[in-house]
Amino acid sequence: MNNLDIRKYIRQKRKNLTDSEQQSKSVAIFNNSLQCKKLRFSKTIAGYFPHAGEASPLHILEQAHTQHKTCLFPVLKAKPSQSLYFFPHQLGAALTYNRFGIAEPRKTPRNIKPTWSIDVILMPLVAFDETGNRLGMGGGFYDRTLAYLKHRSYWKKPHLIGIAYEFQKIDNLKSNNWDIPLNEIITEKKVYCFNKKI
């Protein structure tokens, strides 16, 4: 399958999940996340508000908040840019919605958190493979935001963790030279760890 077909196939499978299935899988993802040392020792964690059936990182972020970690969420930069800012947000606080209908924190310029200063980013995805390649929605927002990781070998942060359902795993996902691979992926079944160098 090409990337377009993969996106269509996976999005339909996500759409077919019942609310109870999504909830039980989200709890299992959270339980598996407890194995991740990077999450345990992080002080700043960026996540996302799940959209269109995406696997949810919100249980992970709820725990992070109770541990007094800084929780951040992405905000689309204004057009024509196709990259992201990250802003702190407390779960339950007021939200706004971007041009794709995805929830975002309300922002002020002084609250922007530089991407290189974030310890862990929990990332949504459409598909992944066992080598850490990630297929997103096709906009390239995360890849552009994190492109500096390919060009600056001394940058060590953030640690990138994909959040997904096990059925989103694809054999030998084709990658492009601008794609940013993941360090780990957490599903309801297991934690995948990669030693890929960007």
N, C-alpha and C. Protein backbone atom coordinates (compact mmCIF):
# COMPACT_ATOMS: atom_id res chain seq x y z
N MET A 1 0.83 -1.20 0.00
CA MET A 1 0.00 0.00 0.00
C MET A 1 0.87 1.25 0.00
N ASN A 2 0.42 2.29 -0.71
CA ASN A 2 1.12 3.56 -0.63
C ASN A 2 0.62 4.32 0.61
N ASN A 3 1.26 5.46 0.89
CA ASN A 3 0.93 6.19 2.11
C ASN A 3 -0.52 6.65 2.15
N LEU A 4 -1.06 7.03 1.01
CA LEU A 4 -2.45 7.46 0.95
C LEU A 4 -3.39 6.33 1.33
N ASP A 5 -3.12 5.14 0.81
CA ASP A 5 -3.95 3.98 1.13
C ASP A 5 -3.81 3.58 2.60
N ILE A 6 -2.57 3.66 3.11
CA ILE A 6 -2.35 3.34 4.53
C ILE A 6 -3.15 4.29 5.41
N ARG A 7 -3.09 5.58 5.11
CA ARG A 7 -3.84 6.55 5.91
C ARG A 7 -5.34 6.25 5.89
N LYS A 8 -5.86 5.95 4.73
CA LYS A 8 -7.29 5.66 4.60
C LYS A 8 -7.66 4.41 5.40
N TYR A 9 -6.83 3.38 5.28
CA TYR A 9 -7.09 2.10 5.96
C TYR A 9 -7.05 2.26 7.48
N ILE A 10 -6.00 2.91 7.98
CA ILE A 10 -5.84 3.06 9.44
C ILE A 10 -6.90 3.99 10.01
N ARG A 11 -7.18 5.08 9.33
CA ARG A 11 -8.19 6.01 9.84
C ARG A 11 -9.56 5.33 9.95
N GLN A 12 -9.87 4.44 9.02
CA GLN A 12 -11.14 3.73 9.09
C GLN A 12 -11.14 2.77 10.28
N LYS A 13 -10.01 2.10 10.52
CA LYS A 13 -9.93 1.18 11.67
C LYS A 13 -10.08 1.96 12.98
N ARG A 14 -9.48 3.14 13.05
CA ARG A 14 -9.64 3.96 14.26
C ARG A 14 -11.10 4.38 14.43
N LYS A 15 -11.73 4.75 13.32
CA LYS A 15 -13.11 5.19 13.36
C LYS A 15 -14.05 4.09 13.84
N ASN A 16 -13.68 2.85 13.55
CA ASN A 16 -14.52 1.71 13.92
C ASN A 16 -14.43 1.34 15.39
N LEU A 17 -13.47 1.89 16.12
CA LEU A 17 -13.34 1.59 17.55
C LEU A 17 -14.52 2.18 18.32
N THR A 18 -15.06 1.42 19.24
CA THR A 18 -16.11 1.95 20.10
C THR A 18 -15.47 2.83 21.18
N ASP A 19 -16.29 3.62 21.86
CA ASP A 19 -15.77 4.46 22.95
C ASP A 19 -15.12 3.61 24.03
N SER A 20 -15.74 2.47 24.35
CA SER A 20 -15.19 1.62 25.41
C SER A 20 -13.87 0.99 24.98
N GLU A 21 -13.75 0.65 23.71
CA GLU A 21 -12.48 0.12 23.19
C GLU A 21 -11.39 1.18 23.25
N GLN A 22 -11.72 2.39 22.86
CA GLN A 22 -10.74 3.47 22.93
C GLN A 22 -10.29 3.70 24.38
N GLN A 23 -11.24 3.69 25.29
CA GLN A 23 -10.91 3.93 26.69
C GLN A 23 -10.02 2.82 27.24
N SER A 24 -10.37 1.57 26.98
CA SER A 24 -9.57 0.46 27.52
C SER A 24 -8.17 0.45 26.92
N LYS A 25 -8.05 0.76 25.65
CA LYS A 25 -6.73 0.82 25.01
C LYS A 25 -5.91 1.99 25.57
N SER A 26 -6.58 3.11 25.84
CA SER A 26 -5.87 4.27 26.40
C SER A 26 -5.32 3.95 27.79
N VAL A 27 -6.10 3.22 28.58
CA VAL A 27 -5.62 2.82 29.91
C VAL A 27 -4.43 1.87 29.77
N ALA A 28 -4.49 0.94 28.83
CA ALA A 28 -3.38 0.01 28.61
C ALA A 28 -2.13 0.75 28.13
N ILE A 29 -2.31 1.75 27.28
CA ILE A 29 -1.18 2.58 26.84
C ILE A 29 -0.56 3.29 28.04
N PHE A 30 -1.41 3.84 28.90
CA PHE A 30 -0.89 4.50 30.10
C PHE A 30 -0.11 3.52 30.97
N ASN A 31 -0.65 2.33 31.18
CA ASN A 31 0.04 1.34 32.01
C ASN A 31 1.40 0.97 31.41
N ASN A 32 1.46 0.84 30.10
CA ASN A 32 2.74 0.53 29.46
C ASN A 32 3.71 1.71 29.54
N SER A 33 3.18 2.92 29.57
CA SER A 33 4.04 4.09 29.64
C SER A 33 4.85 4.15 30.93
N LEU A 34 4.39 3.43 31.95
CA LEU A 34 5.11 3.42 33.23
C LEU A 34 6.47 2.77 33.12
N GLN A 35 6.71 2.03 32.02
CA GLN A 35 8.03 1.42 31.78
C GLN A 35 9.06 2.42 31.26
N CYS A 36 8.61 3.57 30.80
CA CYS A 36 9.50 4.51 30.08
C CYS A 36 10.28 5.39 31.06
N LYS A 37 11.57 5.17 31.13
CA LYS A 37 12.41 5.95 32.04
C LYS A 37 12.43 7.42 31.67
N LYS A 38 12.43 7.70 30.38
CA LYS A 38 12.47 9.10 29.93
C LYS A 38 11.26 9.87 30.44
N LEU A 39 10.11 9.21 30.43
CA LEU A 39 8.91 9.86 30.96
C LEU A 39 9.02 10.05 32.47
N ARG A 40 9.53 9.05 33.14
CA ARG A 40 9.61 9.10 34.59
C ARG A 40 10.49 10.25 35.07
N PHE A 41 11.59 10.49 34.37
CA PHE A 41 12.54 11.49 34.84
C PHE A 41 12.42 12.83 34.12
N SER A 42 11.45 12.96 33.27
CA SER A 42 11.26 14.22 32.55
C SER A 42 10.63 15.28 33.46
N LYS A 43 10.89 16.53 33.11
CA LYS A 43 10.26 17.65 33.82
C LYS A 43 9.27 18.40 32.94
N THR A 44 9.48 18.32 31.63
CA THR A 44 8.56 18.96 30.69
C THR A 44 8.13 17.92 29.66
N ILE A 45 6.81 17.76 29.49
CA ILE A 45 6.25 16.78 28.55
C ILE A 45 5.24 17.49 27.65
N ALA A 46 5.41 17.34 26.36
CA ALA A 46 4.41 17.85 25.42
C ALA A 46 3.56 16.69 24.94
N GLY A 47 2.28 16.92 24.84
CA GLY A 47 1.36 15.91 24.33
C GLY A 47 0.47 16.51 23.26
N TYR A 48 -0.75 16.01 23.15
CA TYR A 48 -1.68 16.51 22.15
C TYR A 48 -3.08 16.11 22.56
N PHE A 49 -4.05 16.81 22.03
CA PHE A 49 -5.44 16.43 22.24
C PHE A 49 -5.84 15.50 21.10
N PRO A 50 -6.23 14.25 21.40
CA PRO A 50 -6.52 13.29 20.33
C PRO A 50 -7.68 13.75 19.46
N HIS A 51 -7.55 13.47 18.18
CA HIS A 51 -8.52 13.92 17.18
C HIS A 51 -8.77 12.77 16.21
N ALA A 52 -10.01 12.61 15.79
CA ALA A 52 -10.37 11.63 14.76
C ALA A 52 -9.91 10.21 15.12
N GLY A 53 -10.12 9.84 16.39
CA GLY A 53 -9.82 8.48 16.80
C GLY A 53 -8.39 8.19 17.18
N GLU A 54 -7.54 9.22 17.26
CA GLU A 54 -6.14 8.99 17.62
C GLU A 54 -6.04 8.39 19.02
N ALA A 55 -5.01 7.58 19.22
CA ALA A 55 -4.73 7.05 20.55
C ALA A 55 -4.42 8.21 21.49
N SER A 56 -4.95 8.12 22.69
CA SER A 56 -4.89 9.26 23.61
C SER A 56 -3.68 9.20 24.55
N PRO A 57 -2.97 10.33 24.70
CA PRO A 57 -1.90 10.42 25.70
C PRO A 57 -2.38 11.08 27.00
N LEU A 58 -3.68 11.36 27.10
CA LEU A 58 -4.15 12.23 28.18
C LEU A 58 -3.99 11.62 29.57
N HIS A 59 -4.09 10.28 29.70
CA HIS A 59 -3.85 9.66 31.01
C HIS A 59 -2.40 9.89 31.45
N ILE A 60 -1.48 9.82 30.50
CA ILE A 60 -0.07 10.06 30.80
C ILE A 60 0.13 11.49 31.27
N LEU A 61 -0.51 12.43 30.59
CA LEU A 61 -0.36 13.84 30.93
C LEU A 61 -1.06 14.19 32.24
N GLU A 62 -2.17 13.52 32.52
CA GLU A 62 -2.84 13.73 33.81
C GLU A 62 -1.92 13.33 34.96
N GLN A 63 -1.24 12.19 34.82
CA GLN A 63 -0.31 11.79 35.87
C GLN A 63 0.85 12.76 35.96
N ALA A 64 1.36 13.19 34.81
CA ALA A 64 2.47 14.15 34.81
C ALA A 64 2.09 15.42 35.56
N HIS A 65 0.86 15.86 35.37
CA HIS A 65 0.39 17.07 36.06
C HIS A 65 0.37 16.85 37.57
N THR A 66 -0.08 15.68 38.02
CA THR A 66 -0.11 15.41 39.46
C THR A 66 1.30 15.33 40.04
N GLN A 67 2.29 15.06 39.20
CA GLN A 67 3.69 15.01 39.63
C GLN A 67 4.39 16.35 39.46
N HIS A 68 3.61 17.38 39.19
CA HIS A 68 4.10 18.75 39.06
C HIS A 68 5.08 18.95 37.90
N LYS A 69 4.89 18.15 36.86
CA LYS A 69 5.65 18.36 35.63
C LYS A 69 4.94 19.42 34.79
N THR A 70 5.69 20.08 33.92
CA THR A 70 5.10 21.04 33.00
C THR A 70 4.54 20.31 31.80
N CYS A 71 3.25 20.47 31.55
CA CYS A 71 2.59 19.81 30.42
C CYS A 71 2.32 20.84 29.32
N LEU A 72 2.72 20.49 28.11
CA LEU A 72 2.62 21.39 26.97
C LEU A 72 1.78 20.76 25.88
N PHE A 73 1.19 21.61 25.03
CA PHE A 73 0.41 21.14 23.89
C PHE A 73 0.77 21.96 22.67
N PRO A 74 0.68 21.35 21.48
CA PRO A 74 1.05 22.06 20.26
C PRO A 74 -0.02 23.05 19.79
N VAL A 75 0.46 24.11 19.16
CA VAL A 75 -0.39 25.11 18.53
C VAL A 75 0.16 25.35 17.13
N LEU A 76 -0.69 25.33 16.12
CA LEU A 76 -0.24 25.59 14.76
C LEU A 76 0.25 27.03 14.63
N LYS A 77 1.40 27.20 14.00
CA LYS A 77 1.82 28.55 13.64
C LYS A 77 0.92 29.07 12.53
N ALA A 78 0.82 30.38 12.44
CA ALA A 78 -0.03 30.99 11.42
C ALA A 78 0.48 30.65 10.03
N LYS A 79 -0.43 30.56 9.08
CA LYS A 79 -0.04 30.35 7.69
C LYS A 79 0.88 31.47 7.24
N PRO A 80 1.84 31.21 6.34
CA PRO A 80 1.98 29.97 5.58
C PRO A 80 2.86 28.91 6.26
N SER A 81 3.33 29.19 7.48
CA SER A 81 4.17 28.23 8.17
C SER A 81 3.41 26.92 8.39
N GLN A 82 4.13 25.80 8.30
CA GLN A 82 3.54 24.50 8.61
C GLN A 82 4.35 23.83 9.71
N SER A 83 4.46 24.54 10.83
CA SER A 83 5.15 23.99 11.98
C SER A 83 4.40 24.38 13.24
N LEU A 84 4.97 24.05 14.40
CA LEU A 84 4.24 24.13 15.66
C LEU A 84 4.97 24.97 16.70
N TYR A 85 4.19 25.61 17.56
CA TYR A 85 4.64 26.14 18.84
C TYR A 85 4.19 25.16 19.92
N PHE A 86 4.80 25.26 21.11
CA PHE A 86 4.32 24.48 22.25
C PHE A 86 4.05 25.42 23.42
N PHE A 87 2.86 25.27 24.01
CA PHE A 87 2.44 26.14 25.11
C PHE A 87 2.03 25.30 26.31
N PRO A 88 2.30 25.79 27.52
CA PRO A 88 1.82 25.08 28.72
C PRO A 88 0.30 25.16 28.81
N HIS A 89 -0.28 24.11 29.38
CA HIS A 89 -1.74 24.06 29.51
C HIS A 89 -2.10 23.10 30.62
N GLN A 90 -3.05 23.51 31.44
CA GLN A 90 -3.58 22.63 32.48
C GLN A 90 -4.84 21.97 31.96
N LEU A 91 -4.90 20.64 32.05
CA LEU A 91 -6.07 19.93 31.56
C LEU A 91 -7.32 20.43 32.29
N GLY A 92 -8.35 20.70 31.53
CA GLY A 92 -9.58 21.24 32.09
C GLY A 92 -9.72 22.73 31.87
N ALA A 93 -8.62 23.41 31.53
CA ALA A 93 -8.68 24.84 31.24
C ALA A 93 -9.30 25.06 29.85
N ALA A 94 -9.67 26.30 29.58
CA ALA A 94 -10.34 26.64 28.33
C ALA A 94 -9.45 26.35 27.13
N LEU A 95 -10.09 25.93 26.04
CA LEU A 95 -9.38 25.58 24.81
C LEU A 95 -9.92 26.40 23.65
N THR A 96 -9.14 26.43 22.59
CA THR A 96 -9.60 26.95 21.32
C THR A 96 -9.41 25.85 20.28
N TYR A 97 -9.81 26.10 19.03
CA TYR A 97 -9.70 25.08 17.99
C TYR A 97 -9.04 25.67 16.75
N ASN A 98 -8.11 24.89 16.17
CA ASN A 98 -7.39 25.39 15.00
C ASN A 98 -8.18 25.13 13.71
N ARG A 99 -7.55 25.43 12.59
CA ARG A 99 -8.25 25.34 11.30
C ARG A 99 -8.59 23.91 10.90
N PHE A 100 -8.02 22.91 11.60
CA PHE A 100 -8.36 21.51 11.35
C PHE A 100 -9.39 20.98 12.35
N GLY A 101 -9.85 21.85 13.24
CA GLY A 101 -10.81 21.43 14.26
C GLY A 101 -10.18 20.72 15.43
N ILE A 102 -8.87 20.86 15.61
CA ILE A 102 -8.13 20.19 16.69
C ILE A 102 -7.99 21.16 17.87
N ALA A 103 -8.24 20.67 19.07
CA ALA A 103 -8.16 21.50 20.27
C ALA A 103 -6.73 21.98 20.50
N GLU A 104 -6.62 23.22 20.97
CA GLU A 104 -5.33 23.82 21.31
C GLU A 104 -5.49 24.65 22.58
N PRO A 105 -4.40 24.83 23.33
CA PRO A 105 -4.46 25.74 24.48
C PRO A 105 -4.57 27.18 24.00
N ARG A 106 -5.16 28.00 24.84
CA ARG A 106 -5.15 29.43 24.54
C ARG A 106 -3.75 29.95 24.81
N LYS A 107 -3.26 30.79 23.93
CA LYS A 107 -1.83 31.11 23.94
C LYS A 107 -1.56 32.60 24.12
N THR A 108 -0.43 32.87 24.70
CA THR A 108 0.14 34.22 24.71
C THR A 108 1.61 34.07 24.35
N PRO A 109 2.18 35.01 23.59
CA PRO A 109 3.56 34.86 23.12
C PRO A 109 4.58 34.59 24.22
N ARG A 110 4.36 35.13 25.40
CA ARG A 110 5.35 34.96 26.46
C ARG A 110 5.38 33.54 27.00
N ASN A 111 4.37 32.73 26.68
CA ASN A 111 4.32 31.37 27.22
C ASN A 111 4.91 30.32 26.29
N ILE A 112 5.42 30.73 25.12
CA ILE A 112 6.00 29.75 24.20
C ILE A 112 7.18 29.05 24.85
N LYS A 113 7.20 27.73 24.72
CA LYS A 113 8.31 26.93 25.24
C LYS A 113 9.16 26.47 24.06
N PRO A 114 10.46 26.80 24.02
CA PRO A 114 11.30 26.36 22.90
C PRO A 114 11.31 24.84 22.78
N THR A 115 11.20 24.35 21.58
CA THR A 115 11.12 22.91 21.37
C THR A 115 12.34 22.19 21.92
N TRP A 116 13.53 22.79 21.76
CA TRP A 116 14.76 22.14 22.19
C TRP A 116 14.85 21.99 23.71
N SER A 117 13.98 22.70 24.45
CA SER A 117 14.02 22.64 25.91
C SER A 117 13.04 21.62 26.49
N ILE A 118 12.25 20.99 25.63
CA ILE A 118 11.25 20.01 26.09
C ILE A 118 11.92 18.65 26.26
N ASP A 119 11.64 17.99 27.36
CA ASP A 119 12.27 16.68 27.62
C ASP A 119 11.68 15.58 26.73
N VAL A 120 10.35 15.51 26.67
CA VAL A 120 9.66 14.44 25.93
C VAL A 120 8.50 15.04 25.15
N ILE A 121 8.36 14.61 23.90
CA ILE A 121 7.15 14.93 23.14
C ILE A 121 6.42 13.62 22.83
N LEU A 122 5.15 13.56 23.24
CA LEU A 122 4.27 12.45 22.89
C LEU A 122 3.59 12.83 21.58
N MET A 123 3.76 12.00 20.55
CA MET A 123 3.35 12.38 19.20
C MET A 123 2.25 11.48 18.65
N PRO A 124 1.26 12.07 17.99
CA PRO A 124 0.25 11.27 17.30
C PRO A 124 0.83 10.71 16.01
N LEU A 125 0.21 9.68 15.48
CA LEU A 125 0.66 9.13 14.21
C LEU A 125 -0.46 8.32 13.57
N VAL A 126 -0.32 8.10 12.28
CA VAL A 126 -1.26 7.26 11.55
C VAL A 126 -0.75 5.83 11.49
N ALA A 127 0.55 5.68 11.25
CA ALA A 127 1.15 4.34 11.16
C ALA A 127 2.61 4.40 11.57
N PHE A 128 3.15 3.24 11.93
CA PHE A 128 4.57 3.14 12.30
C PHE A 128 5.07 1.77 11.91
N ASP A 129 6.40 1.63 11.90
CA ASP A 129 6.97 0.29 11.71
C ASP A 129 7.93 -0.02 12.84
N GLU A 130 8.52 -1.20 12.82
CA GLU A 130 9.34 -1.66 13.95
C GLU A 130 10.73 -1.07 13.95
N THR A 131 11.01 -0.14 13.05
CA THR A 131 12.30 0.55 13.08
C THR A 131 12.16 2.00 13.54
N GLY A 132 10.93 2.42 13.88
CA GLY A 132 10.73 3.76 14.41
C GLY A 132 10.27 4.78 13.40
N ASN A 133 10.01 4.35 12.16
CA ASN A 133 9.47 5.29 11.18
C ASN A 133 8.02 5.62 11.53
N ARG A 134 7.65 6.86 11.31
CA ARG A 134 6.32 7.35 11.65
C ARG A 134 5.67 7.94 10.41
N LEU A 135 4.41 7.58 10.19
CA LEU A 135 3.61 8.20 9.14
C LEU A 135 2.55 9.05 9.82
N GLY A 136 2.60 10.36 9.53
CA GLY A 136 1.62 11.27 10.10
C GLY A 136 0.47 11.51 9.13
N MET A 137 -0.23 12.62 9.35
CA MET A 137 -1.38 12.93 8.53
C MET A 137 -1.00 13.49 7.16
N GLY A 138 0.25 13.85 7.00
CA GLY A 138 0.71 14.32 5.69
C GLY A 138 1.05 15.80 5.65
N GLY A 139 0.77 16.53 6.72
CA GLY A 139 1.06 17.96 6.74
C GLY A 139 2.51 18.29 7.03
N GLY A 140 3.23 17.36 7.68
CA GLY A 140 4.64 17.58 7.98
C GLY A 140 4.91 18.55 9.12
N PHE A 141 3.91 18.83 9.95
CA PHE A 141 4.08 19.83 11.01
C PHE A 141 5.15 19.42 12.03
N TYR A 142 5.11 18.18 12.50
CA TYR A 142 6.12 17.74 13.47
C TYR A 142 7.49 17.63 12.82
N ASP A 143 7.56 17.11 11.61
CA ASP A 143 8.86 16.97 10.93
C ASP A 143 9.53 18.33 10.74
N ARG A 144 8.77 19.35 10.35
CA ARG A 144 9.36 20.68 10.18
C ARG A 144 9.78 21.26 11.52
N THR A 145 8.95 21.08 12.54
CA THR A 145 9.27 21.61 13.86
C THR A 145 10.53 20.99 14.44
N LEU A 146 10.74 19.71 14.15
CA LEU A 146 11.87 18.97 14.73
C LEU A 146 13.03 18.79 13.75
N ALA A 147 12.99 19.47 12.62
CA ALA A 147 14.01 19.29 11.59
C ALA A 147 15.41 19.60 12.09
N TYR A 148 15.54 20.47 13.09
CA TYR A 148 16.86 20.81 13.62
C TYR A 148 17.59 19.58 14.17
N LEU A 149 16.85 18.55 14.57
CA LEU A 149 17.49 17.34 15.11
C LEU A 149 18.35 16.63 14.07
N LYS A 150 18.05 16.82 12.80
CA LYS A 150 18.84 16.21 11.74
C LYS A 150 20.13 16.97 11.47
N HIS A 151 20.16 18.24 11.82
CA HIS A 151 21.27 19.10 11.42
C HIS A 151 22.17 19.53 12.57
N ARG A 152 21.72 19.30 13.79
CA ARG A 152 22.49 19.74 14.95
C ARG A 152 22.74 18.54 15.85
N SER A 153 23.90 17.90 15.69
CA SER A 153 24.15 16.64 16.40
C SER A 153 24.22 16.83 17.91
N TYR A 154 24.44 18.06 18.38
CA TYR A 154 24.57 18.25 19.83
C TYR A 154 23.22 18.44 20.51
N TRP A 155 22.14 18.57 19.75
CA TRP A 155 20.83 18.65 20.38
C TRP A 155 20.40 17.25 20.84
N LYS A 156 20.08 17.12 22.11
CA LYS A 156 19.68 15.83 22.67
C LYS A 156 18.19 15.76 22.95
N LYS A 157 17.52 16.88 22.91
CA LYS A 157 16.10 16.90 23.27
C LYS A 157 15.30 17.50 22.12
N PRO A 158 14.03 17.12 22.07
CA PRO A 158 13.29 16.23 22.97
C PRO A 158 13.41 14.76 22.58
N HIS A 159 13.06 13.90 23.53
CA HIS A 159 12.93 12.47 23.28
C HIS A 159 11.54 12.27 22.69
N LEU A 160 11.45 11.57 21.57
CA LEU A 160 10.20 11.48 20.82
C LEU A 160 9.52 10.13 21.01
N ILE A 161 8.29 10.16 21.52
CA ILE A 161 7.55 8.94 21.79
C ILE A 161 6.22 8.99 21.04
N GLY A 162 6.01 8.03 20.15
CA GLY A 162 4.74 7.92 19.45
C GLY A 162 3.72 7.20 20.31
N ILE A 163 2.47 7.64 20.22
CA ILE A 163 1.36 7.01 20.93
C ILE A 163 0.43 6.42 19.88
N ALA A 164 0.18 5.11 19.95
CA ALA A 164 -0.56 4.45 18.86
C ALA A 164 -1.26 3.19 19.34
N TYR A 165 -2.16 2.72 18.51
CA TYR A 165 -2.75 1.40 18.71
C TYR A 165 -1.89 0.37 17.97
N GLU A 166 -1.90 -0.83 18.46
CA GLU A 166 -1.06 -1.87 17.86
C GLU A 166 -1.43 -2.11 16.39
N PHE A 167 -2.67 -1.96 16.02
CA PHE A 167 -3.05 -2.21 14.63
C PHE A 167 -2.51 -1.15 13.66
N GLN A 168 -1.89 -0.10 14.20
CA GLN A 168 -1.29 0.92 13.34
C GLN A 168 0.13 0.54 12.88
N LYS A 169 0.62 -0.59 13.36
CA LYS A 169 1.94 -1.06 12.94
C LYS A 169 1.88 -1.61 11.52
N ILE A 170 2.80 -1.16 10.67
CA ILE A 170 2.88 -1.55 9.26
C ILE A 170 4.28 -2.10 8.99
N ASP A 171 4.40 -3.14 8.21
CA ASP A 171 5.71 -3.67 7.85
C ASP A 171 6.42 -2.73 6.88
N ASN A 172 7.67 -2.41 7.20
CA ASN A 172 8.54 -1.67 6.27
C ASN A 172 7.89 -0.42 5.71
N LEU A 173 7.54 0.48 6.61
CA LEU A 173 6.97 1.75 6.20
C LEU A 173 8.03 2.57 5.48
N LYS A 174 7.69 3.07 4.31
CA LYS A 174 8.63 3.87 3.53
C LYS A 174 8.84 5.21 4.20
N SER A 175 10.12 5.62 4.33
CA SER A 175 10.43 6.90 4.95
C SER A 175 11.05 7.84 3.92
N ASN A 176 10.92 9.13 4.19
CA ASN A 176 11.54 10.17 3.36
C ASN A 176 12.71 10.78 4.11
N ASN A 177 13.59 11.45 3.38
CA ASN A 177 14.80 11.97 4.04
C ASN A 177 14.50 13.11 5.01
N TRP A 178 13.30 13.68 4.95
CA TRP A 178 12.94 14.75 5.88
C TRP A 178 12.18 14.21 7.11
N ASP A 179 11.86 12.93 7.11
CA ASP A 179 11.11 12.36 8.24
C ASP A 179 12.00 12.28 9.49
N ILE A 180 11.41 12.57 10.62
CA ILE A 180 12.11 12.48 11.90
C ILE A 180 11.67 11.18 12.59
N PRO A 181 12.57 10.22 12.76
CA PRO A 181 12.18 8.96 13.39
C PRO A 181 11.93 9.11 14.89
N LEU A 182 11.20 8.17 15.44
CA LEU A 182 10.85 8.18 16.85
C LEU A 182 11.87 7.40 17.68
N ASN A 183 11.98 7.78 18.96
CA ASN A 183 12.82 7.04 19.90
C ASN A 183 12.09 5.85 20.51
N GLU A 184 10.79 6.03 20.73
CA GLU A 184 9.97 4.96 21.30
C GLU A 184 8.55 5.08 20.75
N ILE A 185 7.81 3.98 20.82
CA ILE A 185 6.38 3.99 20.53
C ILE A 185 5.69 3.16 21.61
N ILE A 186 4.61 3.72 22.14
CA ILE A 186 3.83 3.01 23.15
C ILE A 186 2.48 2.65 22.56
N THR A 187 2.15 1.37 22.58
CA THR A 187 0.82 0.92 22.19
C THR A 187 0.18 0.24 23.40
N GLU A 188 -1.04 -0.25 23.21
CA GLU A 188 -1.72 -0.97 24.29
C GLU A 188 -1.11 -2.34 24.53
N LYS A 189 -0.23 -2.80 23.62
CA LYS A 189 0.38 -4.12 23.75
C LYS A 189 1.80 -4.08 24.31
N LYS A 190 2.59 -3.07 23.91
CA LYS A 190 4.01 -3.07 24.30
C LYS A 190 4.63 -1.70 24.08
N VAL A 191 5.89 -1.60 24.50
CA VAL A 191 6.70 -0.41 24.24
C VAL A 191 7.79 -0.80 23.26
N TYR A 192 7.87 -0.09 22.16
CA TYR A 192 8.93 -0.31 21.17
C TYR A 192 10.02 0.73 21.41
N CYS A 193 11.26 0.28 21.50
CA CYS A 193 12.39 1.18 21.71
C CYS A 193 13.33 1.08 20.52
N PHE A 194 13.84 2.21 20.07
CA PHE A 194 14.70 2.28 18.90
C PHE A 194 15.99 3.00 19.25
N ASN A 195 17.06 2.58 18.60
CA ASN A 195 18.35 3.24 18.79
C ASN A 195 18.77 4.00 17.53
N LYS A 196 17.77 4.38 16.75
CA LYS A 196 18.05 5.09 15.51
C LYS A 196 18.71 6.43 15.77
N LYS A 197 19.73 6.72 15.03
CA LYS A 197 20.31 8.06 15.08
C LYS A 197 19.69 8.91 13.98
N ILE A 198 19.26 10.10 14.36
CA ILE A 198 18.64 10.98 13.39
C ILE A 198 19.70 11.55 12.47
